[in-house]
Full PDB file with SEQRES, HELIX, SHEET, SSBOND, CRYST1, ORIGX, SCALE, CONECT and MASTER records, all heavy atoms in Angstrom:
SEQRES   1 A   34  ASN GLU ASN PRO GLN LEU VAL ILE LEU ARG ILE GLY ASP          
SEQRES   2 A   34  CYS THR LEU ARG GLY SER ASN LYS ASP ALA VAL GLU LYS          
SEQRES   3 A   34  THR ILE ALA THR ILE GLU ALA LEU                              
HELIX    1 AA1 LYS A   21  ALA A   33  1                                  13    
CRYST1    1.000    1.000    1.000  90.00  90.00  90.00 P 1           1          
ORIGX1      1.000000  0.000000  0.000000        0.00000                         
ORIGX2      0.000000  1.000000  0.000000        0.00000                         
ORIGX3      0.000000  0.000000  1.000000        0.00000                         
SCALE1      1.000000  0.000000  0.000000        0.00000                         
SCALE2      0.000000  1.000000  0.000000        0.00000                         
SCALE3      0.000000  0.000000  1.000000        0.00000                         
ATOM      1  N   ASN A   1     233.355 100.929 -16.610  1.00  0.00           N  
ATOM      2  CA  ASN A   1     232.509 102.049 -16.114  1.00  0.00           C  
ATOM      3  C   ASN A   1     231.367 102.401 -17.035  1.00  0.00           C  
ATOM      4  O   ASN A   1     230.334 102.919 -16.555  1.00  0.00           O  
ATOM      5  CB  ASN A   1     233.394 103.298 -15.879  1.00  0.00           C  
ATOM      6  CG  ASN A   1     234.293 103.102 -14.724  1.00  0.00           C  
ATOM      7  OD1 ASN A   1     234.078 102.281 -13.836  1.00  0.00           O  
ATOM      8  ND2 ASN A   1     235.384 103.968 -14.625  1.00  0.00           N  
ATOM      9  N   GLU A   2     231.518 102.143 -18.330  1.00  0.00           N  
ATOM     10  CA  GLU A   2     230.450 102.429 -19.293  1.00  0.00           C  
ATOM     11  C   GLU A   2     229.373 101.375 -19.257  1.00  0.00           C  
ATOM     12  O   GLU A   2     228.312 101.543 -19.876  1.00  0.00           O  
ATOM     13  CB  GLU A   2     231.020 102.637 -20.670  1.00  0.00           C  
ATOM     14  CG  GLU A   2     231.873 103.847 -20.764  1.00  0.00           C  
ATOM     15  CD  GLU A   2     231.137 105.138 -20.647  1.00  0.00           C  
ATOM     16  OE1 GLU A   2     229.951 105.187 -20.948  1.00  0.00           O  
ATOM     17  OE2 GLU A   2     231.742 106.131 -20.137  1.00  0.00           O  
ATOM     18  N   ASN A   3     229.680 100.229 -18.693  1.00  0.00           N  
ATOM     19  CA  ASN A   3     228.722  99.166 -18.480  1.00  0.00           C  
ATOM     20  C   ASN A   3     227.980  98.709 -19.807  1.00  0.00           C  
ATOM     21  O   ASN A   3     226.762  98.690 -19.836  1.00  0.00           O  
ATOM     22  CB  ASN A   3     227.668  99.599 -17.443  1.00  0.00           C  
ATOM     23  CG  ASN A   3     226.852  98.405 -16.957  1.00  0.00           C  
ATOM     24  OD1 ASN A   3     227.316  97.298 -16.901  1.00  0.00           O  
ATOM     25  ND2 ASN A   3     225.562  98.644 -16.593  1.00  0.00           N  
ATOM     26  N   PRO A   4     228.699  98.284 -20.829  1.00  0.00           N  
ATOM     27  CA  PRO A   4     228.030  97.841 -22.029  1.00  0.00           C  
ATOM     28  C   PRO A   4     227.439  96.454 -21.828  1.00  0.00           C  
ATOM     29  O   PRO A   4     227.912  95.691 -20.964  1.00  0.00           O  
ATOM     30  CB  PRO A   4     229.170  97.804 -23.088  1.00  0.00           C  
ATOM     31  CG  PRO A   4     230.383  97.558 -22.219  1.00  0.00           C  
ATOM     32  CD  PRO A   4     230.138  98.263 -20.973  1.00  0.00           C  
ATOM     33  N   GLN A   5     226.397  96.129 -22.563  1.00  0.00           N  
ATOM     34  CA  GLN A   5     225.819  94.796 -22.496  1.00  0.00           C  
ATOM     35  C   GLN A   5     226.663  93.808 -23.279  1.00  0.00           C  
ATOM     36  O   GLN A   5     226.579  92.580 -23.030  1.00  0.00           O  
ATOM     37  CB  GLN A   5     224.402  94.800 -23.067  1.00  0.00           C  
ATOM     38  CG  GLN A   5     223.393  95.585 -22.259  1.00  0.00           C  
ATOM     39  CD  GLN A   5     222.082  95.715 -23.015  1.00  0.00           C  
ATOM     40  OE1 GLN A   5     221.908  96.654 -23.813  1.00  0.00           O  
ATOM     41  NE2 GLN A   5     221.150  94.783 -22.810  1.00  0.00           N  
ATOM     42  N   LEU A   6     227.420  94.319 -24.270  1.00  0.00           N  
ATOM     43  CA  LEU A   6     228.194  93.471 -25.095  1.00  0.00           C  
ATOM     44  C   LEU A   6     229.372  94.200 -25.645  1.00  0.00           C  
ATOM     45  O   LEU A   6     229.250  95.375 -26.029  1.00  0.00           O  
ATOM     46  CB  LEU A   6     227.325  92.889 -26.298  1.00  0.00           C  
ATOM     47  CG  LEU A   6     228.061  92.063 -27.363  1.00  0.00           C  
ATOM     48  CD1 LEU A   6     228.509  90.731 -26.756  1.00  0.00           C  
ATOM     49  CD2 LEU A   6     227.157  91.864 -28.576  1.00  0.00           C  
ATOM     50  N   VAL A   7     230.546  93.541 -25.688  1.00  0.00           N  
ATOM     51  CA  VAL A   7     231.751  94.091 -26.387  1.00  0.00           C  
ATOM     52  C   VAL A   7     231.916  93.229 -27.653  1.00  0.00           C  
ATOM     53  O   VAL A   7     231.982  92.010 -27.547  1.00  0.00           O  
ATOM     54  CB  VAL A   7     232.956  94.027 -25.499  1.00  0.00           C  
ATOM     55  CG1 VAL A   7     234.229  94.425 -26.353  1.00  0.00           C  
ATOM     56  CG2 VAL A   7     232.844  94.894 -24.258  1.00  0.00           C  
ATOM     57  N   ILE A   8     232.035  93.896 -28.802  1.00  0.00           N  
ATOM     58  CA  ILE A   8     232.381  93.225 -30.024  1.00  0.00           C  
ATOM     59  C   ILE A   8     233.837  93.601 -30.355  1.00  0.00           C  
ATOM     60  O   ILE A   8     234.162  94.766 -30.595  1.00  0.00           O  
ATOM     61  CB  ILE A   8     231.447  93.620 -31.203  1.00  0.00           C  
ATOM     62  CG1 ILE A   8     229.995  93.299 -30.853  1.00  0.00           C  
ATOM     63  CG2 ILE A   8     231.844  92.874 -32.471  1.00  0.00           C  
ATOM     64  CD1 ILE A   8     228.995  93.757 -31.868  1.00  0.00           C  
ATOM     65  N   LEU A   9     234.689  92.586 -30.336  1.00  0.00           N  
ATOM     66  CA  LEU A   9     236.154  92.852 -30.489  1.00  0.00           C  
ATOM     67  C   LEU A   9     236.584  92.204 -31.856  1.00  0.00           C  
ATOM     68  O   LEU A   9     236.417  90.999 -32.058  1.00  0.00           O  
ATOM     69  CB  LEU A   9     236.914  92.196 -29.365  1.00  0.00           C  
ATOM     70  CG  LEU A   9     238.443  92.145 -29.484  1.00  0.00           C  
ATOM     71  CD1 LEU A   9     238.990  93.542 -29.454  1.00  0.00           C  
ATOM     72  CD2 LEU A   9     239.031  91.283 -28.338  1.00  0.00           C  
ATOM     73  N   ARG A  10     237.106  93.052 -32.708  1.00  0.00           N  
ATOM     74  CA  ARG A  10     237.657  92.541 -33.973  1.00  0.00           C  
ATOM     75  C   ARG A  10     239.155  92.523 -33.936  1.00  0.00           C  
ATOM     76  O   ARG A  10     239.825  93.514 -33.851  1.00  0.00           O  
ATOM     77  CB  ARG A  10     237.179  93.424 -35.141  1.00  0.00           C  
ATOM     78  CG  ARG A  10     237.470  92.769 -36.544  1.00  0.00           C  
ATOM     79  CD  ARG A  10     237.052  93.673 -37.632  1.00  0.00           C  
ATOM     80  NE  ARG A  10     236.925  92.930 -38.884  1.00  0.00           N  
ATOM     81  CZ  ARG A  10     237.301  93.393 -40.072  1.00  0.00           C  
ATOM     82  NH1 ARG A  10     237.856  94.560 -40.174  1.00  0.00           N  
ATOM     83  NH2 ARG A  10     237.159  92.612 -41.157  1.00  0.00           N  
ATOM     84  N   ILE A  11     239.699  91.309 -34.016  1.00  0.00           N  
ATOM     85  CA  ILE A  11     241.152  91.156 -33.973  1.00  0.00           C  
ATOM     86  C   ILE A  11     241.701  91.158 -35.384  1.00  0.00           C  
ATOM     87  O   ILE A  11     241.231  90.494 -36.264  1.00  0.00           O  
ATOM     88  CB  ILE A  11     241.495  89.784 -33.313  1.00  0.00           C  
ATOM     89  CG1 ILE A  11     240.987  89.839 -31.859  1.00  0.00           C  
ATOM     90  CG2 ILE A  11     242.989  89.509 -33.351  1.00  0.00           C  
ATOM     91  CD1 ILE A  11     241.072  88.469 -31.140  1.00  0.00           C  
ATOM     92  N   GLY A  12     242.767  91.997 -35.578  1.00  0.00           N  
ATOM     93  CA  GLY A  12     243.377  92.092 -36.861  1.00  0.00           C  
ATOM     94  C   GLY A  12     243.312  93.490 -37.455  1.00  0.00           C  
ATOM     95  O   GLY A  12     243.960  93.818 -38.452  1.00  0.00           O  
ATOM     96  N   ASP A  13     242.495  94.417 -36.805  1.00  0.00           N  
ATOM     97  CA  ASP A  13     242.513  95.773 -37.209  1.00  0.00           C  
ATOM     98  C   ASP A  13     243.670  96.480 -36.582  1.00  0.00           C  
ATOM     99  O   ASP A  13     244.420  95.930 -35.730  1.00  0.00           O  
ATOM    100  CB  ASP A  13     241.168  96.424 -36.763  1.00  0.00           C  
ATOM    101  CG  ASP A  13     240.058  96.197 -37.781  1.00  0.00           C  
ATOM    102  OD1 ASP A  13     240.293  95.500 -38.779  1.00  0.00           O  
ATOM    103  OD2 ASP A  13     238.939  96.656 -37.551  1.00  0.00           O  
ATOM    104  N   CYS A  14     243.862  97.788 -36.919  1.00  0.00           N  
ATOM    105  CA  CYS A  14     244.997  98.549 -36.330  1.00  0.00           C  
ATOM    106  C   CYS A  14     244.805  98.649 -34.797  1.00  0.00           C  
ATOM    107  O   CYS A  14     245.785  98.698 -34.099  1.00  0.00           O  
ATOM    108  CB  CYS A  14     245.022  99.943 -36.920  1.00  0.00           C  
ATOM    109  SG  CYS A  14     245.462  99.995 -38.652  1.00  0.00           S  
ATOM    110  N   THR A  15     243.543  98.681 -34.333  1.00  0.00           N  
ATOM    111  CA  THR A  15     243.315  98.836 -32.913  1.00  0.00           C  
ATOM    112  C   THR A  15     243.838  97.645 -32.101  1.00  0.00           C  
ATOM    113  O   THR A  15     244.331  97.798 -30.979  1.00  0.00           O  
ATOM    114  CB  THR A  15     241.786  98.988 -32.713  1.00  0.00           C  
ATOM    115  OG1 THR A  15     241.370 100.215 -33.371  1.00  0.00           O  
ATOM    116  CG2 THR A  15     241.481  99.123 -31.210  1.00  0.00           C  
ATOM    117  N   LEU A  16     243.671  96.423 -32.635  1.00  0.00           N  
ATOM    118  CA  LEU A  16     244.256  95.245 -31.931  1.00  0.00           C  
ATOM    119  C   LEU A  16     244.747  94.310 -33.054  1.00  0.00           C  
ATOM    120  O   LEU A  16     243.958  93.488 -33.572  1.00  0.00           O  
ATOM    121  CB  LEU A  16     243.205  94.596 -31.053  1.00  0.00           C  
ATOM    122  CG  LEU A  16     243.724  93.407 -30.226  1.00  0.00           C  
ATOM    123  CD1 LEU A  16     244.823  93.903 -29.247  1.00  0.00           C  
ATOM    124  CD2 LEU A  16     242.644  92.743 -29.464  1.00  0.00           C  
ATOM    125  N   ARG A  17     246.008  94.396 -33.358  1.00  0.00           N  
ATOM    126  CA  ARG A  17     246.567  93.537 -34.439  1.00  0.00           C  
ATOM    127  C   ARG A  17     246.638  92.110 -33.917  1.00  0.00           C  
ATOM    128  O   ARG A  17     246.949  91.856 -32.784  1.00  0.00           O  
ATOM    129  CB  ARG A  17     247.935  94.056 -34.845  1.00  0.00           C  
ATOM    130  CG  ARG A  17     247.944  95.545 -35.317  1.00  0.00           C  
ATOM    131  CD  ARG A  17     249.337  95.988 -35.596  1.00  0.00           C  
ATOM    132  NE  ARG A  17     249.363  97.414 -35.850  1.00  0.00           N  
ATOM    133  CZ  ARG A  17     249.212  97.992 -37.070  1.00  0.00           C  
ATOM    134  NH1 ARG A  17     249.061  97.192 -38.130  1.00  0.00           N  
ATOM    135  NH2 ARG A  17     249.271  99.290 -37.248  1.00  0.00           N  
ATOM    136  N   GLY A  18     246.433  91.202 -34.833  1.00  0.00           N  
ATOM    137  CA  GLY A  18     246.479  89.831 -34.478  1.00  0.00           C  
ATOM    138  C   GLY A  18     247.836  89.221 -34.349  1.00  0.00           C  
ATOM    139  O   GLY A  18     248.006  88.115 -33.857  1.00  0.00           O  
ATOM    140  N   SER A  19     248.862  89.949 -34.758  1.00  0.00           N  
ATOM    141  CA  SER A  19     250.262  89.387 -34.800  1.00  0.00           C  
ATOM    142  C   SER A  19     250.822  89.239 -33.342  1.00  0.00           C  
ATOM    143  O   SER A  19     251.667  88.382 -33.086  1.00  0.00           O  
ATOM    144  CB  SER A  19     251.190  90.298 -35.565  1.00  0.00           C  
ATOM    145  OG  SER A  19     251.092  91.670 -35.107  1.00  0.00           O  
ATOM    146  N   ASN A  20     250.339  90.037 -32.399  1.00  0.00           N  
ATOM    147  CA  ASN A  20     250.805  89.989 -31.015  1.00  0.00           C  
ATOM    148  C   ASN A  20     249.846  89.092 -30.231  1.00  0.00           C  
ATOM    149  O   ASN A  20     248.864  89.593 -29.627  1.00  0.00           O  
ATOM    150  CB  ASN A  20     250.930  91.352 -30.413  1.00  0.00           C  
ATOM    151  CG  ASN A  20     251.599  91.362 -29.038  1.00  0.00           C  
ATOM    152  OD1 ASN A  20     251.632  90.370 -28.322  1.00  0.00           O  
ATOM    153  ND2 ASN A  20     252.179  92.523 -28.672  1.00  0.00           N  
ATOM    154  N   LYS A  21     250.061  87.800 -30.219  1.00  0.00           N  
ATOM    155  CA  LYS A  21     249.167  86.869 -29.590  1.00  0.00           C  
ATOM    156  C   LYS A  21     249.046  87.065 -28.121  1.00  0.00           C  
ATOM    157  O   LYS A  21     247.957  86.950 -27.518  1.00  0.00           O  
ATOM    158  CB  LYS A  21     249.611  85.427 -29.878  1.00  0.00           C  
ATOM    159  CG  LYS A  21     249.497  85.015 -31.334  1.00  0.00           C  
ATOM    160  CD  LYS A  21     249.889  83.584 -31.578  1.00  0.00           C  
ATOM    161  CE  LYS A  21     249.728  83.203 -33.081  1.00  0.00           C  
ATOM    162  NZ  LYS A  21     250.099  81.822 -33.309  1.00  0.00           N  
ATOM    163  N   ASP A  22     250.104  87.458 -27.425  1.00  0.00           N  
ATOM    164  CA  ASP A  22     250.065  87.721 -25.976  1.00  0.00           C  
ATOM    165  C   ASP A  22     249.064  88.855 -25.681  1.00  0.00           C  
ATOM    166  O   ASP A  22     248.275  88.831 -24.736  1.00  0.00           O  
ATOM    167  CB  ASP A  22     251.449  88.029 -25.439  1.00  0.00           C  
ATOM    168  CG  ASP A  22     252.357  86.789 -25.410  1.00  0.00           C  
ATOM    169  OD1 ASP A  22     251.816  85.670 -25.474  1.00  0.00           O  
ATOM    170  OD2 ASP A  22     253.551  86.958 -25.345  1.00  0.00           O  
ATOM    171  N   ALA A  23     249.194  89.959 -26.444  1.00  0.00           N  
ATOM    172  CA  ALA A  23     248.321  91.117 -26.253  1.00  0.00           C  
ATOM    173  C   ALA A  23     246.866  90.725 -26.541  1.00  0.00           C  
ATOM    174  O   ALA A  23     245.977  91.153 -25.824  1.00  0.00           O  
ATOM    175  CB  ALA A  23     248.759  92.239 -27.166  1.00  0.00           C  
ATOM    176  N   VAL A  24     246.624  89.927 -27.558  1.00  0.00           N  
ATOM    177  CA  VAL A  24     245.293  89.475 -27.879  1.00  0.00           C  
ATOM    178  C   VAL A  24     244.677  88.686 -26.751  1.00  0.00           C  
ATOM    179  O   VAL A  24     243.559  88.925 -26.291  1.00  0.00           O  
ATOM    180  CB  VAL A  24     245.238  88.669 -29.206  1.00  0.00           C  
ATOM    181  CG1 VAL A  24     243.919  88.018 -29.402  1.00  0.00           C  
ATOM    182  CG2 VAL A  24     245.578  89.577 -30.377  1.00  0.00           C  
ATOM    183  N   GLU A  25     245.458  87.683 -26.248  1.00  0.00           N  
ATOM    184  CA  GLU A  25     244.953  86.821 -25.173  1.00  0.00           C  
ATOM    185  C   GLU A  25     244.696  87.605 -23.891  1.00  0.00           C  
ATOM    186  O   GLU A  25     243.734  87.386 -23.200  1.00  0.00           O  
ATOM    187  CB  GLU A  25     245.944  85.682 -24.941  1.00  0.00           C  
ATOM    188  CG  GLU A  25     246.006  84.653 -26.072  1.00  0.00           C  
ATOM    189  CD  GLU A  25     247.107  83.623 -25.887  1.00  0.00           C  
ATOM    190  OE1 GLU A  25     247.784  83.712 -24.852  1.00  0.00           O  
ATOM    191  OE2 GLU A  25     247.241  82.811 -26.779  1.00  0.00           O  
ATOM    192  N   LYS A  26     245.626  88.592 -23.616  1.00  0.00           N  
ATOM    193  CA  LYS A  26     245.433  89.384 -22.433  1.00  0.00           C  
ATOM    194  C   LYS A  26     244.180  90.260 -22.549  1.00  0.00           C  
ATOM    195  O   LYS A  26     243.402  90.400 -21.547  1.00  0.00           O  
ATOM    196  CB  LYS A  26     246.670  90.318 -22.224  1.00  0.00           C  
ATOM    197  CG  LYS A  26     246.558  91.192 -21.007  1.00  0.00           C  
ATOM    198  CD  LYS A  26     247.771  92.086 -20.837  1.00  0.00           C  
ATOM    199  CE  LYS A  26     247.651  92.958 -19.603  1.00  0.00           C  
ATOM    200  NZ  LYS A  26     248.790  93.874 -19.416  1.00  0.00           N  
ATOM    201  N   THR A  27     243.928  90.824 -23.726  1.00  0.00           N  
ATOM    202  CA  THR A  27     242.757  91.671 -23.907  1.00  0.00           C  
ATOM    203  C   THR A  27     241.447  90.863 -23.790  1.00  0.00           C  
ATOM    204  O   THR A  27     240.543  91.292 -23.014  1.00  0.00           O  
ATOM    205  CB  THR A  27     242.756  92.288 -25.290  1.00  0.00           C  
ATOM    206  OG1 THR A  27     243.944  93.096 -25.439  1.00  0.00           O  
ATOM    207  CG2 THR A  27     241.548  93.142 -25.591  1.00  0.00           C  
ATOM    208  N   ILE A  28     241.423  89.663 -24.340  1.00  0.00           N  
ATOM    209  CA  ILE A  28     240.241  88.835 -24.214  1.00  0.00           C  
ATOM    210  C   ILE A  28     240.007  88.415 -22.754  1.00  0.00           C  
ATOM    211  O   ILE A  28     238.936  88.526 -22.222  1.00  0.00           O  
ATOM    212  CB  ILE A  28     240.404  87.563 -25.099  1.00  0.00           C  
ATOM    213  CG1 ILE A  28     240.309  87.984 -26.587  1.00  0.00           C  
ATOM    214  CG2 ILE A  28     239.297  86.545 -24.782  1.00  0.00           C  
ATOM    215  CD1 ILE A  28     240.614  86.840 -27.541  1.00  0.00           C  
ATOM    216  N   ALA A  29     241.081  87.949 -22.122  1.00  0.00           N  
ATOM    217  CA  ALA A  29     240.942  87.507 -20.696  1.00  0.00           C  
ATOM    218  C   ALA A  29     240.513  88.612 -19.780  1.00  0.00           C  
ATOM    219  O   ALA A  29     239.712  88.433 -18.877  1.00  0.00           O  
ATOM    220  CB  ALA A  29     242.301  86.920 -20.218  1.00  0.00           C  
ATOM    221  N   THR A  30     241.030  89.824 -19.995  1.00  0.00           N  
ATOM    222  CA  THR A  30     240.694  90.955 -19.125  1.00  0.00           C  
ATOM    223  C   THR A  30     239.217  91.392 -19.279  1.00  0.00           C  
ATOM    224  O   THR A  30     238.558  91.667 -18.278  1.00  0.00           O  
ATOM    225  CB  THR A  30     241.627  92.145 -19.376  1.00  0.00           C  
ATOM    226  OG1 THR A  30     242.988  91.739 -19.288  1.00  0.00           O  
ATOM    227  CG2 THR A  30     241.387  93.259 -18.391  1.00  0.00           C  
ATOM    228  N   ILE A  31     238.744  91.448 -20.489  1.00  0.00           N  
ATOM    229  CA  ILE A  31     237.382  91.801 -20.741  1.00  0.00           C  
ATOM    230  C   ILE A  31     236.445  90.777 -20.126  1.00  0.00           C  
ATOM    231  O   ILE A  31     235.426  91.116 -19.483  1.00  0.00           O  
ATOM    232  CB  ILE A  31     237.085  92.003 -22.248  1.00  0.00           C  
ATOM    233  CG1 ILE A  31     237.867  93.161 -22.783  1.00  0.00           C  
ATOM    234  CG2 ILE A  31     235.606  92.176 -22.508  1.00  0.00           C  
ATOM    235  CD1 ILE A  31     237.789  93.359 -24.299  1.00  0.00           C  
ATOM    236  N   GLU A  32     236.747  89.529 -20.340  1.00  0.00           N  
ATOM    237  CA  GLU A  32     235.933  88.440 -19.786  1.00  0.00           C  
ATOM    238  C   GLU A  32     235.949  88.457 -18.233  1.00  0.00           C  
ATOM    239  O   GLU A  32     234.938  88.147 -17.589  1.00  0.00           O  
ATOM    240  CB  GLU A  32     236.350  87.100 -20.343  1.00  0.00           C  
ATOM    241  CG  GLU A  32     235.984  86.913 -21.827  1.00  0.00           C  
ATOM    242  CD  GLU A  32     236.300  85.569 -22.398  1.00  0.00           C  
ATOM    243  OE1 GLU A  32     237.259  84.940 -21.848  1.00  0.00           O  
ATOM    244  OE2 GLU A  32     235.568  85.174 -23.323  1.00  0.00           O  
ATOM    245  N   ALA A  33     237.091  88.836 -17.659  1.00  0.00           N  
ATOM    246  CA  ALA A  33     237.164  88.921 -16.213  1.00  0.00           C  
ATOM    247  C   ALA A  33     236.327  89.995 -15.666  1.00  0.00           C  
ATOM    248  O   ALA A  33     235.929  89.970 -14.454  1.00  0.00           O  
ATOM    249  CB  ALA A  33     238.645  89.120 -15.795  1.00  0.00           C  
ATOM    250  N   LEU A  34     236.021  91.000 -16.503  1.00  0.00           N  
ATOM    251  CA  LEU A  34     235.146  92.083 -16.023  1.00  0.00           C  
ATOM    252  C   LEU A  34     233.644  91.664 -15.945  1.00  0.00           C  
ATOM    253  O   LEU A  34     232.837  92.394 -15.438  1.00  0.00           O  
ATOM    254  CB  LEU A  34     235.264  93.296 -16.989  1.00  0.00           C  
ATOM    255  CG  LEU A  34     236.638  94.021 -16.971  1.00  0.00           C  
ATOM    256  CD1 LEU A  34     236.665  95.057 -18.065  1.00  0.00           C  
ATOM    257  CD2 LEU A  34     236.916  94.658 -15.636  1.00  0.00           C  
TER     258      LEU A  34                                                      
MASTER        0    0    0    1    0    0    0    6  257    1    0    3          
END                                                                             
């Protein structure tokens, strides 16, 4: 809804920890699907 031109996603911070690979892959796939 905010319609950004670009999302910069840093994996490994508290916001999206890199240890949960399924969550990381889902987040990437969902943003790209948008």
